[in-house]
């Protein structure tokens, strides 16, 4: 089972709709300082919750159609998809504790 997946305009729908686990999607850009800080935090959370969530990463510069579809106008933006549907999200730099609490709250029975 993949823990981290690179998402693009080509594979986004297939990966999200086909995921057996909830997918935390990190919309980022390489030039974005807060994105660079948030990335490793999300990766650690995904590692801690291995087998419970999948981390997907979307470089907004490489996936303009997907970014537009989900109205990504500020980054970092994190969206949570469950069973193919976006169920929650947040914008900006957050702590590991915040992210874990957010996931537990949003996915109550599943974590």
PDB file of N, CA and C in Angstrom:
ATOM      1  N   UNK A   1       0.847  -1.197   0.000  1.00  0.00           N
ATOM      2  CA  UNK A   1       0.000   0.000   0.000  1.00  0.00           C
ATOM      3  C   UNK A   1       0.881   1.247   0.000  1.00  0.00           C
ATOM      4  N   UNK A   2       0.592   2.169  -0.889  1.00  0.00           N
ATOM      5  CA  UNK A   2       1.369   3.409  -0.959  1.00  0.00           C
ATOM      6  C   UNK A   2       0.966   4.330   0.184  1.00  0.00           C
ATOM      7  N   UNK A   3       1.956   4.937   0.823  1.00  0.00           N
ATOM      8  CA  UNK A   3       1.670   5.886   1.887  1.00  0.00           C
ATOM      9  C   UNK A   3       1.651   7.314   1.338  1.00  0.00           C
ATOM     10  N   UNK A   4       2.544   7.591   0.393  1.00  0.00           N
ATOM     11  CA  UNK A   4       2.623   8.919  -0.224  1.00  0.00           C
ATOM     12  C   UNK A   4       2.444   8.784  -1.727  1.00  0.00           C
ATOM     13  N   UNK A   5       1.595   9.648  -2.303  1.00  0.00           N
ATOM     14  CA  UNK A   5       1.429   9.608  -3.747  1.00  0.00           C
ATOM     15  C   UNK A   5       1.526  11.017  -4.324  1.00  0.00           C
ATOM     16  N   UNK A   6       2.210  11.118  -5.455  1.00  0.00           N
ATOM     17  CA  UNK A   6       2.282  12.384  -6.177  1.00  0.00           C
ATOM     18  C   UNK A   6       1.037  12.460  -7.052  1.00  0.00           C
ATOM     19  N   UNK A   7       0.259  13.499  -6.865  1.00  0.00           N
ATOM     20  CA  UNK A   7      -0.992  13.648  -7.609  1.00  0.00           C
ATOM     21  C   UNK A   7      -0.836  14.700  -8.697  1.00  0.00           C
ATOM     22  N   UNK A   8      -1.406  14.405  -9.870  1.00  0.00           N
ATOM     23  CA  UNK A   8      -1.330  15.301 -11.014  1.00  0.00           C
ATOM     24  C   UNK A   8      -2.735  15.472 -11.601  1.00  0.00           C
ATOM     25  N   UNK A   9      -2.850  16.347 -12.573  1.00  0.00           N
ATOM     26  CA  UNK A   9      -4.139  16.486 -13.261  1.00  0.00           C
ATOM     27  C   UNK A   9      -4.561  15.147 -13.873  1.00  0.00           C
ATOM     28  N   UNK A  10      -3.584  14.348 -14.314  1.00  0.00           N
ATOM     29  CA  UNK A  10      -3.895  13.078 -14.980  1.00  0.00           C
ATOM     30  C   UNK A  10      -4.387  11.994 -14.018  1.00  0.00           C
ATOM     31  N   UNK A  11      -3.773  11.888 -12.830  1.00  0.00           N
ATOM     32  CA  UNK A  11      -4.087  10.747 -11.951  1.00  0.00           C
ATOM     33  C   UNK A  11      -4.936  11.102 -10.733  1.00  0.00           C
ATOM     34  N   UNK A  12      -5.259  12.376 -10.516  1.00  0.00           N
ATOM     35  CA  UNK A  12      -5.935  12.797  -9.286  1.00  0.00           C
ATOM     36  C   UNK A  12      -7.240  12.038  -9.046  1.00  0.00           C
ATOM     37  N   UNK A  13      -8.147  12.100 -10.010  1.00  0.00           N
ATOM     38  CA  UNK A  13      -9.465  11.457  -9.840  1.00  0.00           C
ATOM     39  C   UNK A  13      -9.326   9.960  -9.558  1.00  0.00           C
ATOM     40  N   UNK A  14      -8.487   9.297 -10.332  1.00  0.00           N
ATOM     41  CA  UNK A  14      -8.306   7.844 -10.201  1.00  0.00           C
ATOM     42  C   UNK A  14      -7.761   7.487  -8.817  1.00  0.00           C
ATOM     43  N   UNK A  15      -6.741   8.209  -8.383  1.00  0.00           N
ATOM     44  CA  UNK A  15      -6.122   7.910  -7.079  1.00  0.00           C
ATOM     45  C   UNK A  15      -7.070   8.210  -5.916  1.00  0.00           C
ATOM     46  N   UNK A  16      -7.762   9.351  -5.974  1.00  0.00           N
ATOM     47  CA  UNK A  16      -8.664   9.739  -4.886  1.00  0.00           C
ATOM     48  C   UNK A  16      -9.877   8.810  -4.839  1.00  0.00           C
ATOM     49  N   UNK A  17     -10.489   8.567  -5.987  1.00  0.00           N
ATOM     50  CA  UNK A  17     -11.682   7.713  -6.022  1.00  0.00           C
ATOM     51  C   UNK A  17     -11.358   6.257  -5.730  1.00  0.00           C
ATOM     52  N   UNK A  18     -10.138   5.833  -6.047  1.00  0.00           N
ATOM     53  CA  UNK A  18      -9.759   4.441  -5.850  1.00  0.00           C
ATOM     54  C   UNK A  18      -9.133   4.155  -4.494  1.00  0.00           C
ATOM     55  N   UNK A  19      -8.926   5.187  -3.694  1.00  0.00           N
ATOM     56  CA  UNK A  19      -8.242   5.003  -2.408  1.00  0.00           C
ATOM     57  C   UNK A  19      -9.133   4.266  -1.409  1.00  0.00           C
ATOM     58  N   UNK A  20      -8.550   3.270  -0.754  1.00  0.00           N
ATOM     59  CA  UNK A  20      -9.293   2.524   0.266  1.00  0.00           C
ATOM     60  C   UNK A  20      -9.283   3.266   1.601  1.00  0.00           C
ATOM     61  N   UNK A  21      -8.338   4.167   1.753  1.00  0.00           N
ATOM     62  CA  UNK A  21      -8.191   4.930   2.995  1.00  0.00           C
ATOM     63  C   UNK A  21      -8.473   6.407   2.720  1.00  0.00           C
ATOM     64  N   UNK A  22      -8.757   7.184   3.772  1.00  0.00           N
ATOM     65  CA  UNK A  22      -8.865   8.635   3.583  1.00  0.00           C
ATOM     66  C   UNK A  22      -7.535   9.185   3.051  1.00  0.00           C
ATOM     67  N   UNK A  23      -7.625  10.181   2.175  1.00  0.00           N
ATOM     68  CA  UNK A  23      -6.425  10.775   1.578  1.00  0.00           C
ATOM     69  C   UNK A  23      -6.301  12.231   2.025  1.00  0.00           C
ATOM     70  N   UNK A  24      -5.169  12.544   2.657  1.00  0.00           N
ATOM     71  CA  UNK A  24      -4.841  13.920   3.019  1.00  0.00           C
ATOM     72  C   UNK A  24      -4.056  14.481   1.839  1.00  0.00           C
ATOM     73  N   UNK A  25      -4.601  15.518   1.191  1.00  0.00           N
ATOM     74  CA  UNK A  25      -3.961  16.076   0.006  1.00  0.00           C
ATOM     75  C   UNK A  25      -3.328  17.416   0.351  1.00  0.00           C
ATOM     76  N   UNK A  26      -2.031  17.503   0.116  1.00  0.00           N
ATOM     77  CA  UNK A  26      -1.245  18.706   0.362  1.00  0.00           C
ATOM     78  C   UNK A  26      -1.064  19.441  -0.966  1.00  0.00           C
ATOM     79  N   UNK A  27      -1.754  20.578  -1.102  1.00  0.00           N
ATOM     80  CA  UNK A  27      -1.562  21.441  -2.272  1.00  0.00           C
ATOM     81  C   UNK A  27      -0.418  22.393  -1.926  1.00  0.00           C
ATOM     82  N   UNK A  28       0.665  22.333  -2.707  1.00  0.00           N
ATOM     83  CA  UNK A  28       1.857  23.112  -2.365  1.00  0.00           C
ATOM     84  C   UNK A  28       2.541  23.634  -3.628  1.00  0.00           C
ATOM     85  N   UNK A  29       3.560  24.472  -3.412  1.00  0.00           N
ATOM     86  CA  UNK A  29       4.446  24.892  -4.492  1.00  0.00           C
ATOM     87  C   UNK A  29       5.865  24.884  -3.936  1.00  0.00           C
ATOM     88  N   UNK A  30       6.829  24.617  -4.802  1.00  0.00           N
ATOM     89  CA  UNK A  30       8.216  24.508  -4.348  1.00  0.00           C
ATOM     90  C   UNK A  30       8.756  25.848  -3.834  1.00  0.00           C
ATOM     91  N   UNK A  31       8.222  26.968  -4.342  1.00  0.00           N
ATOM     92  CA  UNK A  31       8.702  28.293  -3.942  1.00  0.00           C
ATOM     93  C   UNK A  31       8.035  28.818  -2.671  1.00  0.00           C
ATOM     94  N   UNK A  32       7.090  28.070  -2.124  1.00  0.00           N
ATOM     95  CA  UNK A  32       6.290  28.518  -0.970  1.00  0.00           C
ATOM     96  C   UNK A  32       6.959  28.093   0.342  1.00  0.00           C
ATOM     97  N   UNK A  33       7.437  29.075   1.110  1.00  0.00           N
ATOM     98  CA  UNK A  33       8.144  28.794   2.369  1.00  0.00           C
ATOM     99  C   UNK A  33       7.285  28.022   3.383  1.00  0.00           C
ATOM    100  N   UNK A  34       6.035  28.476   3.682  1.00  0.00           N
ATOM    101  CA  UNK A  34       5.213  27.702   4.622  1.00  0.00           C
ATOM    102  C   UNK A  34       4.947  26.273   4.128  1.00  0.00           C
ATOM    103  N   UNK A  35       4.847  26.102   2.800  1.00  0.00           N
ATOM    104  CA  UNK A  35       4.647  24.759   2.230  1.00  0.00           C
ATOM    105  C   UNK A  35       5.846  23.865   2.564  1.00  0.00           C
ATOM    106  N   UNK A  36       7.045  24.436   2.474  1.00  0.00           N
ATOM    107  CA  UNK A  36       8.267  23.681   2.764  1.00  0.00           C
ATOM    108  C   UNK A  36       8.323  23.273   4.229  1.00  0.00           C
ATOM    109  N   UNK A  37       7.734  24.086   5.094  1.00  0.00           N
ATOM    110  CA  UNK A  37       7.712  23.770   6.520  1.00  0.00           C
ATOM    111  C   UNK A  37       6.615  22.751   6.841  1.00  0.00           C
ATOM    112  N   UNK A  38       5.480  22.853   6.149  1.00  0.00           N
ATOM    113  CA  UNK A  38       4.345  21.970   6.428  1.00  0.00           C
ATOM    114  C   UNK A  38       4.561  20.560   5.887  1.00  0.00           C
ATOM    115  N   UNK A  39       5.223  20.439   4.749  1.00  0.00           N
ATOM    116  CA  UNK A  39       5.447  19.137   4.104  1.00  0.00           C
ATOM    117  C   UNK A  39       5.973  18.062   5.042  1.00  0.00           C
ATOM    118  N   UNK A  40       7.102  18.314   5.738  1.00  0.00           N
ATOM    119  CA  UNK A  40       7.652  17.297   6.638  1.00  0.00           C
ATOM    120  C   UNK A  40       6.713  16.955   7.804  1.00  0.00           C
ATOM    121  N   UNK A  41       5.939  17.925   8.260  1.00  0.00           N
ATOM    122  CA  UNK A  41       4.978  17.671   9.343  1.00  0.00           C
ATOM    123  C   UNK A  41       3.904  16.703   8.848  1.00  0.00           C
ATOM    124  N   UNK A  42       3.376  16.963   7.648  1.00  0.00           N
ATOM    125  CA  UNK A  42       2.361  16.067   7.077  1.00  0.00           C
ATOM    126  C   UNK A  42       2.934  14.670   6.852  1.00  0.00           C
ATOM    127  N   UNK A  43       4.192  14.606   6.420  1.00  0.00           N
ATOM    128  CA  UNK A  43       4.816  13.307   6.188  1.00  0.00           C
ATOM    129  C   UNK A  43       4.962  12.529   7.496  1.00  0.00           C
ATOM    130  N   UNK A  44       5.298  13.218   8.581  1.00  0.00           N
ATOM    131  CA  UNK A  44       5.412  12.564   9.882  1.00  0.00           C
ATOM    132  C   UNK A  44       4.043  12.069  10.357  1.00  0.00           C
ATOM    133  N   UNK A  45       3.011  12.900  10.199  1.00  0.00           N
ATOM    134  CA  UNK A  45       1.657  12.495  10.589  1.00  0.00           C
ATOM    135  C   UNK A  45       1.240  11.260   9.779  1.00  0.00           C
ATOM    136  N   UNK A  46       1.509  11.275   8.475  1.00  0.00           N
ATOM    137  CA  UNK A  46       1.159  10.136   7.614  1.00  0.00           C
ATOM    138  C   UNK A  46       1.899   8.881   8.065  1.00  0.00           C
ATOM    139  N   UNK A  47       3.149   9.049   8.486  1.00  0.00           N
ATOM    140  CA  UNK A  47       3.942   7.911   8.966  1.00  0.00           C
ATOM    141  C   UNK A  47       3.350   7.387  10.283  1.00  0.00           C
ATOM    142  N   UNK A  48       3.002   8.313  11.188  1.00  0.00           N
ATOM    143  CA  UNK A  48       2.419   7.923  12.482  1.00  0.00           C
ATOM    144  C   UNK A  48       1.071   7.226  12.297  1.00  0.00           C
ATOM    145  N   UNK A  49       0.331   7.622  11.263  1.00  0.00           N
ATOM    146  CA  UNK A  49      -1.000   7.047  11.012  1.00  0.00           C
ATOM    147  C   UNK A  49      -0.975   6.074   9.831  1.00  0.00           C
ATOM    148  N   UNK A  50       0.175   5.478   9.590  1.00  0.00           N
ATOM    149  CA  UNK A  50       0.330   4.538   8.476  1.00  0.00           C
ATOM    150  C   UNK A  50      -0.724   3.439   8.564  1.00  0.00           C
ATOM    151  N   UNK A  51      -1.340   3.138   7.431  1.00  0.00           N
ATOM    152  CA  UNK A  51      -2.402   2.142   7.401  1.00  0.00           C
ATOM    153  C   UNK A  51      -3.770   2.731   7.707  1.00  0.00           C
ATOM    154  N   UNK A  52      -3.799   4.022   8.070  1.00  0.00           N
ATOM    155  CA  UNK A  52      -5.070   4.694   8.371  1.00  0.00           C
ATOM    156  C   UNK A  52      -5.369   5.835   7.407  1.00  0.00           C
ATOM    157  N   UNK A  53      -4.311   6.480   6.906  1.00  0.00           N
ATOM    158  CA  UNK A  53      -4.479   7.553   5.914  1.00  0.00           C
ATOM    159  C   UNK A  53      -3.398   7.412   4.846  1.00  0.00           C
ATOM    160  N   UNK A  54      -3.627   8.085   3.731  1.00  0.00           N
ATOM    161  CA  UNK A  54      -2.645   8.200   2.654  1.00  0.00           C
ATOM    162  C   UNK A  54      -2.370   9.688   2.494  1.00  0.00           C
ATOM    163  N   UNK A  55      -1.125  10.048   2.225  1.00  0.00           N
ATOM    164  CA  UNK A  55      -0.772  11.441   1.954  1.00  0.00           C
ATOM    165  C   UNK A  55      -0.573  11.615   0.461  1.00  0.00           C
ATOM    166  N   UNK A  56      -1.331  12.535  -0.119  1.00  0.00           N
ATOM    167  CA  UNK A  56      -1.174  12.873  -1.524  1.00  0.00           C
ATOM    168  C   UNK A  56      -0.625  14.277  -1.632  1.00  0.00           C
ATOM    169  N   UNK A  57       0.277  14.505  -2.590  1.00  0.00           N
ATOM    170  CA  UNK A  57       0.886  15.823  -2.747  1.00  0.00           C
ATOM    171  C   UNK A  57       0.605  16.342  -4.157  1.00  0.00           C
ATOM    172  N   UNK A  58       0.080  17.572  -4.220  1.00  0.00           N
ATOM    173  CA  UNK A  58      -0.213  18.205  -5.504  1.00  0.00           C
ATOM    174  C   UNK A  58       0.624  19.469  -5.622  1.00  0.00           C
ATOM    175  N   UNK A  59       1.556  19.483  -6.575  1.00  0.00           N
ATOM    176  CA  UNK A  59       2.294  20.711  -6.865  1.00  0.00           C
ATOM    177  C   UNK A  59       1.370  21.565  -7.737  1.00  0.00           C
ATOM    178  N   UNK A  60       0.918  22.698  -7.189  1.00  0.00           N
ATOM    179  CA  UNK A  60      -0.086  23.503  -7.897  1.00  0.00           C
ATOM    180  C   UNK A  60       0.423  24.002  -9.253  1.00  0.00           C
ATOM    181  N   UNK A  61       1.729  24.159  -9.397  1.00  0.00           N
ATOM    182  CA  UNK A  61       2.283  24.606 -10.680  1.00  0.00           C
ATOM    183  C   UNK A  61       2.194  23.511 -11.738  1.00  0.00           C
ATOM    184  N   UNK A  62       2.210  22.259 -11.293  1.00  0.00           N
ATOM    185  CA  UNK A  62       2.176  21.127 -12.222  1.00  0.00           C
ATOM    186  C   UNK A  62       0.766  20.573 -12.431  1.00  0.00           C
ATOM    187  N   UNK A  63      -0.199  21.021 -11.616  1.00  0.00           N
ATOM    188  CA  UNK A  63      -1.571  20.494 -11.706  1.00  0.00           C
ATOM    189  C   UNK A  63      -2.582  21.644 -11.666  1.00  0.00           C
ATOM    190  N   UNK A  64      -2.547  22.513 -12.682  1.00  0.00           N
ATOM    191  CA  UNK A  64      -3.426  23.693 -12.666  1.00  0.00           C
ATOM    192  C   UNK A  64      -4.918  23.357 -12.697  1.00  0.00           C
ATOM    193  N   UNK A  65      -5.310  22.329 -13.421  1.00  0.00           N
ATOM    194  CA  UNK A  65      -6.740  22.003 -13.524  1.00  0.00           C
ATOM    195  C   UNK A  65      -7.280  21.515 -12.179  1.00  0.00           C
ATOM    196  N   UNK A  66      -6.524  20.651 -11.520  1.00  0.00           N
ATOM    197  CA  UNK A  66      -6.937  20.131 -10.210  1.00  0.00           C
ATOM    198  C   UNK A  66      -6.972  21.263  -9.188  1.00  0.00           C
ATOM    199  N   UNK A  67      -5.962  22.108  -9.199  1.00  0.00           N
ATOM    200  CA  UNK A  67      -5.905  23.236  -8.262  1.00  0.00           C
ATOM    201  C   UNK A  67      -7.094  24.169  -8.468  1.00  0.00           C
ATOM    202  N   UNK A  68      -7.442  24.413  -9.714  1.00  0.00           N
ATOM    203  CA  UNK A  68      -8.581  25.285 -10.028  1.00  0.00           C
ATOM    204  C   UNK A  68      -9.900  24.634  -9.595  1.00  0.00           C
ATOM    205  N   UNK A  69     -10.024  23.335  -9.835  1.00  0.00           N
ATOM    206  CA  UNK A  69     -11.251  22.612  -9.486  1.00  0.00           C
ATOM    207  C   UNK A  69     -11.567  22.742  -7.991  1.00  0.00           C
ATOM    208  N   UNK A  70     -10.521  22.713  -7.156  1.00  0.00           N
ATOM    209  CA  UNK A  70     -10.725  22.795  -5.711  1.00  0.00           C
ATOM    210  C   UNK A  70     -10.468  24.207  -5.168  1.00  0.00           C
ATOM    211  N   UNK A  71     -10.460  25.173  -6.088  1.00  0.00           N
ATOM    212  CA  UNK A  71     -10.351  26.592  -5.746  1.00  0.00           C
ATOM    213  C   UNK A  71      -9.175  26.887  -4.821  1.00  0.00           C
ATOM    214  N   UNK A  72      -8.035  26.334  -5.172  1.00  0.00           N
ATOM    215  CA  UNK A  72      -6.825  26.570  -4.384  1.00  0.00           C
ATOM    216  C   UNK A  72      -6.277  27.933  -4.774  1.00  0.00           C
ATOM    217  N   UNK A  73      -6.551  28.926  -3.927  1.00  0.00           N
ATOM    218  CA  UNK A  73      -6.035  30.260  -4.226  1.00  0.00           C
ATOM    219  C   UNK A  73      -5.004  30.713  -3.203  1.00  0.00           C
ATOM    220  N   UNK A  74      -4.853  29.936  -2.133  1.00  0.00           N
ATOM    221  CA  UNK A  74      -3.808  30.200  -1.147  1.00  0.00           C
ATOM    222  C   UNK A  74      -3.176  28.874  -0.774  1.00  0.00           C
ATOM    223  N   UNK A  75      -1.866  28.896  -0.580  1.00  0.00           N
ATOM    224  CA  UNK A  75      -1.170  27.661  -0.206  1.00  0.00           C
ATOM    225  C   UNK A  75      -0.273  27.939   0.992  1.00  0.00           C
ATOM    226  N   UNK A  76       0.074  26.943   1.784  1.00  0.00           N
ATOM    227  CA  UNK A  76      -0.369  25.565   1.633  1.00  0.00           C
ATOM    228  C   UNK A  76      -1.854  25.402   1.952  1.00  0.00           C
ATOM    229  N   UNK A  77      -2.485  24.530   1.192  1.00  0.00           N
ATOM    230  CA  UNK A  77      -3.863  24.146   1.468  1.00  0.00           C
ATOM    231  C   UNK A  77      -3.881  22.635   1.597  1.00  0.00           C
ATOM    232  N   UNK A  78      -4.548  22.166   2.637  1.00  0.00           N
ATOM    233  CA  UNK A  78      -4.646  20.726   2.870  1.00  0.00           C
ATOM    234  C   UNK A  78      -6.118  20.342   2.818  1.00  0.00           C
ATOM    235  N   UNK A  79      -6.425  19.317   2.042  1.00  0.00           N
ATOM    236  CA  UNK A  79      -7.809  18.848   1.913  1.00  0.00           C
ATOM    237  C   UNK A  79      -7.856  17.372   2.275  1.00  0.00           C
ATOM    238  N   UNK A  80      -8.933  16.995   2.937  1.00  0.00           N
ATOM    239  CA  UNK A  80      -9.119  15.598   3.316  1.00  0.00           C
ATOM    240  C   UNK A  80     -10.228  14.995   2.466  1.00  0.00           C
ATOM    241  N   UNK A  81      -9.890  13.926   1.754  1.00  0.00           N
ATOM    242  CA  UNK A  81     -10.850  13.217   0.918  1.00  0.00           C
ATOM    243  C   UNK A  81     -11.147  11.874   1.547  1.00  0.00           C
ATOM    244  N   UNK A  82     -12.420  11.544   1.637  1.00  0.00           N
ATOM    245  CA  UNK A  82     -12.832  10.247   2.161  1.00  0.00           C
ATOM    246  C   UNK A  82     -13.858   9.670   1.193  1.00  0.00           C
ATOM    247  N   UNK A  83     -13.601   8.455   0.741  1.00  0.00           N
ATOM    248  CA  UNK A  83     -14.463   7.801  -0.250  1.00  0.00           C
ATOM    249  C   UNK A  83     -14.669   8.683  -1.488  1.00  0.00           C
ATOM    250  N   UNK A  84     -13.600   9.367  -1.911  1.00  0.00           N
ATOM    251  CA  UNK A  84     -13.633  10.166  -3.136  1.00  0.00           C
ATOM    252  C   UNK A  84     -14.185  11.566  -2.991  1.00  0.00           C
ATOM    253  N   UNK A  85     -14.676  11.937  -1.806  1.00  0.00           N
ATOM    254  CA  UNK A  85     -15.274  13.268  -1.619  1.00  0.00           C
ATOM    255  C   UNK A  85     -14.437  14.087  -0.648  1.00  0.00           C
ATOM    256  N   UNK A  86     -14.340  15.407  -0.938  1.00  0.00           N
ATOM    257  CA  UNK A  86     -13.635  16.292  -0.020  1.00  0.00           C
ATOM    258  C   UNK A  86     -14.529  16.527   1.197  1.00  0.00           C
ATOM    259  N   UNK A  87     -14.016  16.199   2.387  1.00  0.00           N
ATOM    260  CA  UNK A  87     -14.828  16.305   3.603  1.00  0.00           C
ATOM    261  C   UNK A  87     -14.373  17.416   4.533  1.00  0.00           C
ATOM    262  N   UNK A  88     -13.139  17.879   4.392  1.00  0.00           N
ATOM    263  CA  UNK A  88     -12.637  18.923   5.283  1.00  0.00           C
ATOM    264  C   UNK A  88     -11.337  19.465   4.718  1.00  0.00           C
ATOM    265  N   UNK A  89     -10.858  20.552   5.310  1.00  0.00           N
ATOM    266  CA  UNK A  89      -9.585  21.103   4.869  1.00  0.00           C
ATOM    267  C   UNK A  89      -9.173  22.296   5.701  1.00  0.00           C
ATOM    268  N   UNK A  90      -7.948  22.753   5.472  1.00  0.00           N
ATOM    269  CA  UNK A  90      -7.473  23.976   6.120  1.00  0.00           C
ATOM    270  C   UNK A  90      -6.425  24.633   5.231  1.00  0.00           C
ATOM    271  N   UNK A  91      -6.164  25.901   5.510  1.00  0.00           N
ATOM    272  CA  UNK A  91      -5.185  26.676   4.754  1.00  0.00           C
ATOM    273  C   UNK A  91      -4.135  27.192   5.723  1.00  0.00           C
ATOM    274  N   UNK A  92      -2.886  27.122   5.309  1.00  0.00           N
ATOM    275  CA  UNK A  92      -1.811  27.694   6.103  1.00  0.00           C
ATOM    276  C   UNK A  92      -1.024  26.675   6.905  1.00  0.00           C
ATOM    277  N   UNK A  93       0.016  27.172   7.526  1.00  0.00           N
ATOM    278  CA  UNK A  93       0.912  26.359   8.343  1.00  0.00           C
ATOM    279  C   UNK A  93       0.206  25.949   9.631  1.00  0.00           C
ATOM    280  N   UNK A  94       0.266  24.678   9.976  1.00  0.00           N
ATOM    281  CA  UNK A  94      -0.336  24.173  11.213  1.00  0.00           C
ATOM    282  C   UNK A  94       0.666  23.261  11.918  1.00  0.00           C
ATOM    283  N   UNK A  95       0.454  23.057  13.219  1.00  0.00           N
ATOM    284  CA  UNK A  95       1.345  22.181  13.980  1.00  0.00           C
ATOM    285  C   UNK A  95       0.936  20.720  13.808  1.00  0.00           C
ATOM    286  N   UNK A  96       1.839  19.835  14.175  1.00  0.00           N
ATOM    287  CA  UNK A  96       1.550  18.402  14.124  1.00  0.00           C
ATOM    288  C   UNK A  96       0.348  18.077  15.020  1.00  0.00           C
ATOM    289  N   UNK A  97       0.316  18.671  16.211  1.00  0.00           N
ATOM    290  CA  UNK A  97      -0.806  18.424  17.133  1.00  0.00           C
ATOM    291  C   UNK A  97      -2.135  18.864  16.530  1.00  0.00           C
ATOM    292  N   UNK A  98      -2.136  20.042  15.896  1.00  0.00           N
ATOM    293  CA  UNK A  98      -3.363  20.531  15.258  1.00  0.00           C
ATOM    294  C   UNK A  98      -3.830  19.535  14.199  1.00  0.00           C
ATOM    295  N   UNK A  99      -2.911  19.106  13.354  1.00  0.00           N
ATOM    296  CA  UNK A  99      -3.259  18.215  12.234  1.00  0.00           C
ATOM    297  C   UNK A  99      -3.799  16.885  12.750  1.00  0.00           C
ATOM    298  N   UNK A 100      -3.146  16.323  13.767  1.00  0.00           N
ATOM    299  CA  UNK A 100      -3.626  15.049  14.321  1.00  0.00           C
ATOM    300  C   UNK A 100      -5.011  15.211  14.948  1.00  0.00           C
ATOM    301  N   UNK A 101      -5.232  16.312  15.665  1.00  0.00           N
ATOM    302  CA  UNK A 101      -6.552  16.567  16.268  1.00  0.00           C
ATOM    303  C   UNK A 101      -7.609  16.740  15.192  1.00  0.00           C
ATOM    304  N   UNK A 102      -7.265  17.489  14.151  1.00  0.00           N
ATOM    305  CA  UNK A 102      -8.181  17.723  13.029  1.00  0.00           C
ATOM    306  C   UNK A 102      -8.578  16.397  12.377  1.00  0.00           C
ATOM    307  N   UNK A 103      -7.601  15.542  12.146  1.00  0.00           N
ATOM    308  CA  UNK A 103      -7.890  14.241  11.530  1.00  0.00           C
ATOM    309  C   UNK A 103      -8.751  13.373  12.440  1.00  0.00           C
ATOM    310  N   UNK A 104      -8.410  13.329  13.720  1.00  0.00           N
ATOM    311  CA  UNK A 104      -9.200  12.517  14.673  1.00  0.00           C
ATOM    312  C   UNK A 104     -10.638  13.012  14.744  1.00  0.00           C
ATOM    313  N   UNK A 105     -10.806  14.332  14.765  1.00  0.00           N
ATOM    314  CA  UNK A 105     -12.141  14.934  14.845  1.00  0.00           C
ATOM    315  C   UNK A 105     -12.935  14.633  13.571  1.00  0.00           C
ATOM    316  N   UNK A 106     -12.289  14.795  12.428  1.00  0.00           N
ATOM    317  CA  UNK A 106     -12.974  14.637  11.142  1.00  0.00           C
ATOM    318  C   UNK A 106     -13.273  13.181  10.826  1.00  0.00           C
ATOM    319  N   UNK A 107     -12.360  12.299  11.205  1.00  0.00           N
ATOM    320  CA  UNK A 107     -12.518  10.873  10.866  1.00  0.00           C
ATOM    321  C   UNK A 107     -12.877  10.039  12.096  1.00  0.00           C
ATOM    322  N   UNK A 108     -13.532  10.674  13.050  1.00  0.00           N
ATOM    323  CA  UNK A 108     -13.844  10.093  14.368  1.00  0.00           C
ATOM    324  C   UNK A 108     -13.671   8.580  14.487  1.00  0.00           C
ATOM    325  N   UNK A 109     -14.515   7.837  13.876  1.00  0.00           N
ATOM    326  CA  UNK A 109     -14.551   6.389  14.117  1.00  0.00           C
ATOM    327  C   UNK A 109     -13.428   5.653  13.404  1.00  0.00           C
ATOM    328  N   UNK A 110     -12.716   6.314  12.509  1.00  0.00           N
ATOM    329  CA  UNK A 110     -11.787   5.586  11.637  1.00  0.00           C
ATOM    330  C   UNK A 110     -10.340   5.581  12.124  1.00  0.00           C
ATOM    331  N   UNK A 111     -10.010   6.436  13.093  1.00  0.00           N
ATOM    332  CA  UNK A 111      -8.602   6.492  13.523  1.00  0.00           C
ATOM    333  C   UNK A 111      -8.405   5.815  14.863  1.00  0.00           C
TER     334      UNK A 111
END
